[in-house]
Amino acid sequence: MAGVGFIGAGTIIVTRRQRVKGLTTAAGLWSAAIIGLTLGPVFMRAVFWPPC
């Protein structure tokens, strides 16, 4: 999760006019990481351990 934080922080930019850009991109990266960590094991179980 620390890696996702660093990537997200790298997308946030403050312009010369003191405007913040990339904040929604960082939030989107966090959301995608959370969804992947939540649903990843479900899909792995379905693929590698199918019901008999």
Protein backbone atom coordinates (compact mmCIF):
# COMPACT_ATOMS: atom_id res chain seq x y z
CA MET A 1 0.00 0.00 0.00
CA ALA A 2 2.94 2.33 0.53
CA GLY A 3 3.81 1.99 -3.15
CA VAL A 4 0.32 3.06 -4.14
CA GLY A 5 0.70 6.09 -1.88
CA PHE A 6 3.94 7.11 -3.57
CA ILE A 7 2.44 6.71 -7.05
CA GLY A 8 -0.63 8.68 -6.02
CA ALA A 9 1.49 11.42 -4.49
CA GLY A 10 3.45 11.66 -7.72
CA THR A 11 0.29 12.46 -9.67
CA ILE A 12 -0.53 15.50 -7.51
CA ILE A 13 0.94 18.71 -8.92
CA VAL A 14 0.75 22.29 -7.66
CA THR A 15 0.92 24.76 -10.56
CA ARG A 16 2.51 28.19 -10.57
CA ARG A 17 -0.90 29.72 -9.91
CA GLN A 18 -1.17 27.67 -6.69
CA ARG A 19 -3.77 25.33 -8.16
CA VAL A 20 -3.77 21.64 -7.31
CA LYS A 21 -4.07 19.20 -10.20
CA GLY A 22 -4.16 15.41 -10.19
CA LEU A 23 -5.98 14.97 -6.91
CA THR A 24 -8.81 13.00 -8.51
CA THR A 25 -6.26 10.87 -10.35
CA ALA A 26 -4.62 9.99 -7.04
CA ALA A 27 -8.01 9.15 -5.53
CA GLY A 28 -8.78 6.97 -8.55
CA LEU A 29 -5.52 5.08 -8.10
CA TRP A 30 -6.36 4.43 -4.44
CA SER A 31 -9.84 3.25 -5.41
CA ALA A 32 -8.48 0.89 -8.06
CA ALA A 33 -5.94 -0.53 -5.60
CA ILE A 34 -8.61 -1.14 -2.96
CA ILE A 35 -10.93 -2.83 -5.44
CA GLY A 36 -8.09 -4.98 -6.75
CA LEU A 37 -7.03 -6.06 -3.27
CA THR A 38 -10.62 -6.84 -2.35
CA LEU A 39 -11.69 -8.75 -5.45
CA GLY A 40 -8.34 -10.28 -6.39
CA PRO A 41 -8.54 -13.22 -3.99
CA VAL A 42 -12.10 -13.96 -5.12
CA PHE A 43 -11.03 -14.27 -8.75
CA MET A 44 -7.89 -16.22 -7.83
CA ARG A 45 -10.01 -18.73 -5.93
CA ALA A 46 -12.42 -19.06 -8.85
CA VAL A 47 -9.62 -19.70 -11.33
CA PHE A 48 -7.26 -21.93 -9.37
CA TRP A 49 -9.65 -23.77 -7.02
CA PRO A 50 -12.89 -24.36 -8.94
CA PRO A 51 -15.69 -26.19 -7.13
CA CYS A 52 -15.82 -29.93 -7.87
